[in-house]
Structures are given as C-alpha cells and as structure tokens.
Protein backbone atom coordinates (compact mmCIF):
# COMPACT_ATOMS: atom_id res chain seq x y z
CA MET A 1 1.23 24.64 -4.96
CA MET A 2 3.84 22.15 -4.43
CA LEU A 3 6.52 23.93 -2.00
CA SER A 4 9.50 22.90 -3.68
CA VAL A 5 8.36 24.73 -6.84
CA ILE A 6 7.47 27.63 -5.00
CA SER A 7 10.76 27.83 -3.32
CA ARG A 8 12.62 27.19 -6.71
CA PRO A 9 13.58 30.97 -7.53
CA PHE A 10 14.63 31.58 -4.07
CA ALA A 11 17.10 28.71 -3.61
CA ASP A 12 20.21 30.18 -5.29
CA HIS A 13 20.03 33.15 -2.64
CA PHE A 14 18.70 31.28 0.46
CA PHE A 15 20.33 28.13 1.76
CA LEU A 16 17.30 26.98 3.67
CA PHE A 17 15.24 27.55 0.02
CA ASN A 18 18.02 25.34 -1.41
CA LEU A 19 17.22 22.32 0.36
CA PHE A 20 13.71 22.00 -1.52
CA ARG A 21 15.71 20.83 -4.35
CA TYR A 22 16.75 17.59 -2.44
CA ILE A 23 14.57 14.53 -2.54
CA THR A 24 15.86 13.39 0.56
CA PHE A 25 14.84 16.44 2.42
CA ARG A 26 11.31 16.34 0.88
CA ALA A 27 10.86 12.75 1.45
CA GLY A 28 11.57 13.20 5.26
CA ALA A 29 9.53 16.25 5.24
CA ALA A 30 6.48 14.57 3.52
CA CYS A 31 6.74 11.75 5.97
CA LEU A 32 6.50 14.41 9.16
CA THR A 33 3.81 16.18 7.28
CA ALA A 34 1.80 13.29 7.02
CA LEU A 35 2.39 12.28 10.59
CA ILE A 36 1.16 15.47 11.73
CA VAL A 37 -1.96 16.10 9.60
CA SER A 38 -2.83 12.17 10.60
CA PHE A 39 -2.38 13.60 14.55
CA VAL A 40 -4.68 16.81 14.11
CA LEU A 41 -7.30 15.23 11.77
CA GLY A 42 -7.54 11.75 13.34
CA PRO A 43 -9.68 12.91 16.38
CA ALA A 44 -12.15 14.87 14.42
CA VAL A 45 -12.21 12.06 11.62
CA ILE A 46 -13.00 9.35 13.92
CA ARG A 47 -15.59 11.31 16.24
CA TRP A 48 -17.33 12.02 12.40
CA LEU A 49 -16.89 8.24 11.43
CA LYS A 50 -18.66 7.05 14.91
CA SER A 51 -21.66 9.87 14.56
CA VAL A 52 -22.38 8.44 11.11
CA GLN A 53 -21.78 4.73 12.00
CA LYS A 54 -23.68 4.03 14.86
CA GLN A 55 -23.31 0.39 15.15
CA GLY A 56 -19.47 0.10 13.75
CA GLN A 57 -18.08 -1.99 11.45
CA PRO A 58 -20.39 -5.23 10.53
CA ILE A 59 -18.58 -8.21 12.19
CA ARG A 60 -18.90 -11.34 10.07
CA ALA A 61 -20.80 -13.96 11.68
CA ASP A 62 -18.41 -16.85 10.81
CA GLY A 63 -15.45 -15.23 12.06
CA PRO A 64 -13.66 -15.41 15.17
CA GLU A 65 -16.10 -15.54 18.02
CA ARG A 66 -14.59 -12.78 20.24
CA HIS A 67 -14.37 -10.42 17.72
CA LEU A 68 -18.24 -10.33 18.15
CA VAL A 69 -17.39 -9.00 21.40
CA GLU A 70 -14.38 -7.07 21.36
CA LYS A 71 -14.55 -5.31 17.98
CA LYS A 72 -18.17 -4.61 17.96
CA GLY A 73 -19.27 -1.33 17.49
CA THR A 74 -15.61 0.08 15.98
CA PRO A 75 -16.03 2.38 13.25
CA THR A 76 -14.24 1.62 9.84
CA MET A 77 -13.37 3.44 6.95
CA GLY A 78 -10.29 4.74 9.00
CA GLY A 79 -8.46 4.81 5.45
CA LEU A 80 -9.87 8.38 4.81
CA LEU A 81 -7.13 9.61 7.26
CA ILE A 82 -4.55 7.77 5.82
CA LEU A 83 -5.55 8.79 2.02
CA GLY A 84 -6.05 12.18 3.17
CA SER A 85 -3.07 13.02 4.90
CA LEU A 86 -0.98 10.80 2.24
CA THR A 87 -2.74 12.88 -0.50
CA ILE A 88 -2.11 16.30 1.17
CA SER A 89 1.73 15.79 1.85
CA THR A 90 2.25 14.47 -1.23
CA LEU A 91 0.72 17.51 -2.78
CA LEU A 92 2.69 19.63 -0.80
CA TRP A 93 6.28 18.06 -1.36
CA ALA A 94 6.49 16.15 -4.47
CA ASP A 95 7.49 17.70 -7.85
CA LEU A 96 3.92 17.83 -9.56
CA ARG A 97 5.51 18.02 -12.91
CA ASN A 98 6.57 14.44 -12.45
CA GLY A 99 3.85 12.12 -14.30
CA TYR A 100 4.59 9.23 -12.18
CA VAL A 101 3.69 10.80 -8.79
CA TRP A 102 0.07 11.81 -10.50
CA ALA A 103 0.00 8.30 -12.15
CA VAL A 104 0.14 6.66 -8.50
CA LEU A 105 -1.92 9.02 -7.01
CA PHE A 106 -4.69 8.09 -9.32
CA VAL A 107 -4.58 4.12 -8.67
CA THR A 108 -4.14 4.94 -4.93
CA LEU A 109 -7.25 7.53 -5.01
CA GLY A 110 -9.30 5.36 -7.24
CA TYR A 111 -8.89 2.03 -5.63
CA GLY A 112 -9.54 3.81 -2.23
CA ALA A 113 -13.10 5.29 -3.74
CA LEU A 114 -13.57 1.69 -4.68
CA GLY A 115 -13.00 0.84 -1.04
CA PHE A 116 -15.24 3.55 0.10
CA TRP A 117 -18.07 2.42 -1.78
CA ASP A 118 -17.44 -1.21 -0.68
CA ASP A 119 -17.42 0.07 2.83
CA TYR A 120 -20.37 2.41 2.77
CA LEU A 121 -22.67 -0.56 1.47
CA LYS A 122 -21.36 -2.71 4.24
CA VAL A 123 -21.98 -0.12 6.97
CA THR A 124 -25.60 1.12 5.45
CA ARG A 125 -27.11 -2.45 4.74
CA ARG A 126 -25.37 -3.68 7.96
CA ASN A 127 -23.68 -6.83 6.59
CA THR A 128 -20.24 -8.07 5.48
CA ARG A 129 -21.27 -8.38 1.27
CA GLY A 130 -20.50 -4.79 -0.04
CA VAL A 131 -19.72 -4.26 -3.83
CA PRO A 132 -20.29 -7.90 -5.70
CA GLY A 133 -17.18 -9.37 -6.16
CA ARG A 134 -17.55 -9.34 -10.31
CA THR A 135 -18.02 -5.83 -10.31
CA LYS A 136 -15.26 -5.02 -7.55
CA LEU A 137 -12.76 -7.01 -10.22
CA ILE A 138 -14.11 -4.97 -13.01
CA VAL A 139 -13.73 -1.81 -11.51
CA GLN A 140 -10.21 -2.68 -10.55
CA THR A 141 -9.23 -3.57 -13.83
CA ALA A 142 -10.31 -0.74 -15.43
CA ILE A 143 -8.46 1.69 -13.09
CA GLY A 144 -5.17 -0.55 -12.62
CA LEU A 145 -5.23 -1.05 -16.79
CA ALA A 146 -5.58 2.83 -17.22
CA THR A 147 -2.76 3.50 -14.86
CA ALA A 148 -0.41 0.87 -16.23
CA ILE A 149 -0.72 2.21 -19.69
CA TRP A 150 -0.16 5.64 -18.21
CA ILE A 151 3.12 4.37 -16.79
CA THR A 152 4.28 2.63 -19.39
CA SER A 153 3.78 6.01 -21.53
CA LEU A 154 6.02 7.81 -19.50
CA ALA A 155 8.62 5.21 -19.30
CA ARG A 156 11.62 5.22 -21.69
CA GLY A 157 13.53 2.67 -24.01
CA PRO A 158 13.12 -0.81 -24.27
CA LEU A 159 13.09 -1.17 -20.17
CA ALA A 160 9.67 0.52 -20.33
CA THR A 161 7.71 -2.93 -21.46
CA ALA A 162 9.93 -5.25 -19.79
CA LEU A 163 10.33 -7.40 -16.51
CA THR A 164 13.70 -7.12 -14.56
CA VAL A 165 14.67 -10.01 -12.29
CA PRO A 166 16.25 -9.16 -8.93
CA VAL A 167 19.72 -10.67 -8.38
CA PHE A 168 20.20 -11.42 -12.26
CA LYS A 169 21.30 -7.87 -13.67
CA GLU A 170 21.43 -9.17 -17.32
CA VAL A 171 17.91 -10.79 -17.02
CA VAL A 172 15.22 -8.67 -18.71
CA ILE A 173 12.05 -10.57 -19.81
CA PRO A 174 10.50 -8.12 -22.67
CA LEU A 175 6.76 -8.18 -22.34
CA GLY A 176 5.98 -5.80 -25.11
CA PHE A 177 2.02 -4.83 -25.35
CA LEU A 178 1.52 -7.17 -22.41
CA PHE A 179 3.33 -5.27 -20.07
CA PRO A 180 0.41 -2.97 -19.06
CA VAL A 181 -1.71 -6.46 -18.56
CA PHE A 182 0.85 -7.61 -16.42
CA GLY A 183 1.18 -4.14 -14.26
CA THR A 184 -2.56 -4.21 -14.07
CA LEU A 185 -2.11 -7.86 -12.17
CA VAL A 186 0.41 -6.67 -10.31
CA MET A 187 -1.95 -3.54 -8.77
CA MET A 188 -4.69 -5.62 -8.56
CA GLY A 189 -2.95 -8.30 -6.63
CA ALA A 190 -1.02 -5.86 -4.11
CA SER A 191 -4.50 -4.10 -3.66
CA ASN A 192 -6.77 -7.50 -2.62
CA ALA A 193 -3.52 -8.76 -0.91
CA VAL A 194 -3.43 -6.08 1.75
CA ASN A 195 -7.26 -6.17 1.99
CA LEU A 196 -7.33 -9.79 3.03
CA THR A 197 -4.41 -9.17 5.53
CA ASP A 198 -6.48 -6.16 7.07
CA GLY A 199 -8.16 -8.57 9.56
CA LEU A 200 -6.31 -7.51 13.10
CA ASP A 201 -5.70 -4.35 14.75
CA GLY A 202 -2.33 -2.87 13.35
CA LEU A 203 -1.90 -6.24 11.29
CA ALA A 204 -2.04 -4.69 7.60
CA ILE A 205 -0.97 -1.03 8.31
CA VAL A 206 2.63 -2.00 9.87
CA PRO A 207 3.66 -4.58 6.91
CA THR A 208 2.42 -1.86 4.40
CA MET A 209 4.56 0.67 6.07
CA ILE A 210 7.45 -1.57 5.96
CA ALA A 211 7.23 -2.02 2.37
CA ALA A 212 6.67 1.52 1.72
CA SER A 213 9.91 2.24 3.27
CA VAL A 214 11.90 -0.14 1.35
CA PHE A 215 10.29 1.22 -1.68
CA THR A 216 11.26 4.90 -0.62
CA LEU A 217 14.73 3.72 -0.76
CA ILE A 218 14.42 1.70 -3.91
CA ALA A 219 12.60 4.76 -5.83
CA TYR A 220 15.35 7.00 -4.62
CA LEU A 221 18.27 4.71 -6.03
CA VAL A 222 16.75 3.75 -9.25
CA GLY A 223 16.17 7.56 -10.06
CA ASN A 224 19.51 8.32 -9.20
CA ARG A 225 21.79 7.43 -11.98
CA ILE A 226 24.97 7.58 -9.99
CA PHE A 227 23.46 5.01 -7.24
CA ALA A 228 21.71 2.97 -10.01
CA ASP A 229 25.28 2.29 -11.66
CA TYR A 230 26.78 1.69 -8.96
CA LEU A 231 24.20 -1.03 -7.76
CA GLN A 232 23.92 -2.26 -11.31
CA LEU A 233 20.16 -1.44 -10.76
CA ASN A 234 18.21 -0.31 -14.16
CA PRO A 235 17.80 3.42 -13.93
CA VAL A 236 14.55 5.07 -14.28
CA VAL A 237 14.15 8.59 -14.91
CA GLY A 238 12.01 10.47 -12.67
CA ALA A 239 11.10 7.56 -10.51
CA GLY A 240 13.08 9.02 -7.70
CA GLU A 241 10.25 11.63 -6.94
CA LEU A 242 8.18 8.68 -5.76
CA ALA A 243 10.58 8.19 -2.84
CA VAL A 244 8.50 11.48 -1.32
CA PHE A 245 5.27 9.47 -1.94
CA CYS A 246 6.41 6.27 -0.18
CA ALA A 247 7.81 8.55 2.58
CA ALA A 248 4.42 10.38 2.84
CA LEU A 249 2.71 6.87 3.23
CA VAL A 250 4.99 5.75 5.88
CA GLY A 251 4.03 8.97 7.82
CA ALA A 252 0.54 8.56 7.18
CA GLY A 253 0.72 4.88 8.38
CA LEU A 254 2.32 6.01 11.43
CA GLY A 255 -0.52 8.57 12.25
CA PHE A 256 -3.12 6.12 11.63
CA LEU A 257 -1.16 3.41 13.62
CA TRP A 258 -1.54 5.54 16.79
CA PHE A 259 -5.40 5.49 16.46
CA ASN A 260 -5.42 1.82 15.18
CA ALA A 261 -3.14 0.42 17.74
CA PRO A 262 -4.84 -2.54 19.92
CA PRO A 263 -7.64 -1.92 20.78
CA ALA A 264 -8.41 -0.07 17.71
CA ALA A 265 -10.42 3.10 17.89
CA VAL A 266 -10.90 2.94 13.94
CA PHE A 267 -10.60 0.35 11.45
CA MET A 268 -8.79 0.88 8.12
CA GLY A 269 -11.66 -0.52 5.87
CA ASP A 270 -11.35 -1.24 2.38
CA ILE A 271 -10.72 2.18 1.56
CA GLY A 272 -7.49 2.07 2.97
CA ALA A 273 -6.52 -1.43 2.21
CA LEU A 274 -7.55 -1.28 -1.51
CA GLY A 275 -5.56 2.09 -1.93
CA LEU A 276 -2.65 1.20 -0.19
CA GLY A 277 -2.38 -2.29 -1.77
CA GLY A 278 -2.76 -0.26 -5.09
CA ALA A 279 -0.20 2.45 -4.25
CA LEU A 280 2.60 -0.39 -3.58
CA GLY A 281 1.81 -2.10 -6.88
CA ALA A 282 2.25 1.14 -8.86
CA VAL A 283 5.30 2.12 -7.36
CA ALA A 284 7.00 -1.38 -7.93
CA MET A 285 5.91 -1.09 -11.35
CA VAL A 286 7.38 2.42 -12.14
CA THR A 287 10.75 1.05 -10.25
CA LYS A 288 10.78 -1.95 -12.10
CA HIS A 289 10.88 -3.86 -8.93
CA GLU A 290 7.49 -5.90 -8.86
CA ILE A 291 9.12 -9.29 -7.98
CA VAL A 292 10.86 -7.69 -5.13
CA LEU A 293 7.73 -6.49 -4.17
CA MET A 294 6.62 -10.19 -3.88
CA ILE A 295 9.58 -10.47 -1.67
CA VAL A 296 9.02 -7.47 0.71
CA GLY A 297 5.21 -7.73 0.51
CA GLY A 298 5.49 -11.66 1.20
CA LEU A 299 3.20 -11.62 4.04
CA PHE A 300 0.57 -10.35 2.08
CA VAL A 301 1.27 -12.90 -0.60
CA VAL A 302 0.88 -15.91 2.13
CA GLU A 303 -2.38 -14.57 3.48
CA THR A 304 -3.62 -14.32 -0.12
CA LEU A 305 -2.59 -17.99 -0.82
CA SER A 306 -4.05 -19.44 2.31
CA VAL A 307 -7.45 -18.14 1.06
CA VAL A 308 -6.81 -19.55 -2.41
CA ILE A 309 -5.68 -22.79 -0.79
CA GLN A 310 -8.54 -23.16 1.57
CA VAL A 311 -11.26 -22.33 -1.15
CA PHE A 312 -9.83 -24.52 -3.89
CA TRP A 313 -8.83 -27.79 -1.40
CA TYR A 314 -12.48 -27.40 0.42
CA LYS A 315 -14.17 -27.21 -3.14
CA ARG A 316 -12.42 -30.40 -3.97
CA THR A 317 -12.59 -32.26 -0.92
CA GLY A 318 -15.27 -30.66 1.52
CA HIS A 319 -12.53 -30.42 3.94
CA ARG A 320 -10.32 -27.47 5.24
CA VAL A 321 -6.59 -26.94 5.19
CA PHE A 322 -6.54 -24.15 7.45
CA LEU A 323 -9.07 -24.00 10.53
CA MET A 324 -9.87 -20.59 9.22
CA ALA A 325 -8.58 -18.57 6.28
CA PRO A 326 -7.09 -15.61 5.74
CA LEU A 327 -3.71 -17.29 7.65
CA HIS A 328 -3.87 -14.86 10.57
CA HIS A 329 -7.58 -16.48 11.57
CA HIS A 330 -6.24 -19.73 11.72
CA PHE A 331 -4.04 -18.72 14.50
CA GLU A 332 -6.72 -17.00 16.29
CA LYS A 333 -8.61 -20.53 15.78
CA LYS A 334 -5.59 -22.20 17.70
CA GLY A 335 -5.80 -19.80 20.57
CA TRP A 336 -3.17 -17.54 19.90
CA ALA A 337 -3.65 -13.98 21.54
CA GLU A 338 -4.06 -10.94 19.05
CA PRO A 339 -0.90 -9.13 19.99
CA THR A 340 1.12 -12.14 19.52
CA ILE A 341 -0.02 -12.60 16.23
CA VAL A 342 0.07 -9.23 14.78
CA ILE A 343 3.77 -8.59 16.24
CA ARG A 344 5.07 -11.94 14.88
CA PHE A 345 3.97 -11.18 11.52
CA TRP A 346 5.48 -7.66 11.97
CA ILE A 347 8.71 -9.55 12.59
CA ILE A 348 8.33 -11.65 9.55
CA SER A 349 7.49 -8.72 7.26
CA MET A 350 10.57 -6.69 8.82
CA ILE A 351 12.62 -10.17 7.70
CA LEU A 352 11.21 -10.25 4.41
CA ALA A 353 12.14 -6.48 3.76
CA LEU A 354 15.95 -7.34 4.67
CA ILE A 355 15.88 -10.20 2.20
CA GLY A 356 14.39 -7.64 -0.24
CA LEU A 357 16.64 -5.05 0.28
CA ALA A 358 19.35 -7.40 0.00
CA THR A 359 18.54 -8.04 -3.64
CA LEU A 360 19.83 -4.52 -4.56
CA LYS A 361 23.56 -5.49 -3.93
CA ILE A 362 23.58 -9.08 -4.74
CA ARG A 363 24.25 -9.07 -8.43
C-alpha cells in the first residue's frame, strides 16, 4: 500500500509523517528507493539472466565488427531490473488514487511486456528478428490507443483534447477526437526512438534519465496551480503526481547504469527501451508538453531520422547516406571509440534538455 496514504492519519500529529504530503519529498524518496532496489536486486537479476541466456544477446552479423567480439555473451533483458525497481518505487511513494499514475504505469509495463516477448524470441531463436514488425506495431498501437483514451478521459476542460505549443502561451491547437490518435503516435514514436538509440553501453539510459529529470520538474510545475500561473503554463490537475514516477525512473536508471556502464554486464533490451520510451511519451501527453519532449529527446529523434533517411534513400538510389544506421553506428564506422560517441551524445542530450527547460520561461 502506498506510504503516503498509510501516513495520512498521523500527519497532523507527527512532523515526519507530514512530509509524506509533499510531492517533492516523495519524489526524492522514490528516486532513492528505486536506486537502492536496483543495487540490491541487480546482481541476482544479472546472474539469473546469464544462467538462462547461455550465449547472451544475439549480435547483428551486419553490425560493427567489434561488437561480435566485445559484446558477445552479454545477457540482455536488463530492462526487467529497470521496470521492476521503477514499479516498486512508484507503488510505494505515489498517490495510487491518481489515475494518471496508473495510466502511465499501464503503458510502461504494456510496452515492456511487448519488449520482453521480442527479447525472448531473439534469445531463444538465436537471431535478431524477434517479434515481426507488423505485429509489434499492432500491439503498440492497441496499448498506446487504450492509454491515450484513458488519459484523455481523466483530463478536464477543453485542454483535454488540445495540443499546446511551447513559447507561444496563447497557441492551443484543438484536436478533438483525434487527440487520442496523436497521443498514441507520441507514445509509439518515443518508444521506438529509445529502442533505436539503445545500441551502445549507456547510450540510451542516460538520455532517458535526462529527459525524465526534465519531466519531473515539468510535471510538478503544471500540477501546481501557483507555479503554473506564474510561468504562464497550462495547469493540469493531478499531473504533479507524475513527478514521483519520473523521479523513480531516474533512480531506476541510475541503478541500471551501474551495471550497464562500459563494459556492460547486462544490456537493457527491448523490454527496457520500449517501456521507458512509452513512459516518456505518456508523461509528455499528460503534462501537455509533447513538443517539448521532441526537443528534450532530440537525440532520440535524430537517431530515428537517421534510420528513416537511410532506408528511404537506399530504396530510391541504392546508395547509403550514412555508413550505417542508426547514427551512433555511423560514427563507429568512422573510427570513433565507443566511450567518445556515448559521452558526446550525453552532452548533446544535456544541451537539448536545457533548451527544453528554457521553453518553460520564454513566453
């Protein structure tokens, strides 16, 4: 049972219990709890994954040559650790009477389950194909649309089905019944974008944590009427509780990074990448900052575009724009060391996060 609910009857008599009323306290506690759970469960989870995946994650034969040597035998499905610690921490510290919390958990675990299925097929069949692309898109669409309709039903007023535009405070685009469709595309796009970025040790998880940190602040601000009015943001009643979820995501990500740091002891796998991307998309939808997610998660957008451009141009001309897609593999082919690529991409993510935060004040 959620700790803040348990402590509520004692809040008026004991100062310590009164802290549970504050989202900021519970967000910090959720981050720390997820981190500790990751540290505690991590070694056991990795040992178990190694025992059931004798040869580790299948490596693409057409990928960078060094991966066939350096990453051979490393187990995948480390996203189990991320989603497990994230869920435990959220259930402990978030207000479970808040519908947005359950909606975001639903898409996170739903996409995570799809990723588990994909990883399982890859490991058992010893190839990189997994779930057929069409099947994966159908399942993503079904989960995403159900979540988008759920989130829309929880929102209030005309803003429930509208798209807001950063910087321009008066610009609100009413989408009406198309808004759940738009929300579905946001969640699917974010999910697949994180998945495409997950190709080097630590490459996907740090930008995900950076984006989650930004949305921890955004969720808190739009959920607080005073701060939202001061910054001229569109307030969303109840959205502040997602700050606890996002903070737990940061803690879970930090815990996973401890084991995923080069050379990785475990890979995230589709279970982690699809689930975390869907989570970011859902939080962006609730807080009405879908466009800001595209800025903050610009690295994911660029990685996805590199694949789209590569496939499109190769089919039309028979020539490649990049040495290899996604983009991080292009730089590998150019001879960049893996830590160089990863750290530079982290820096780019931090810069984009600062730009995204700047939109909160520039009006």
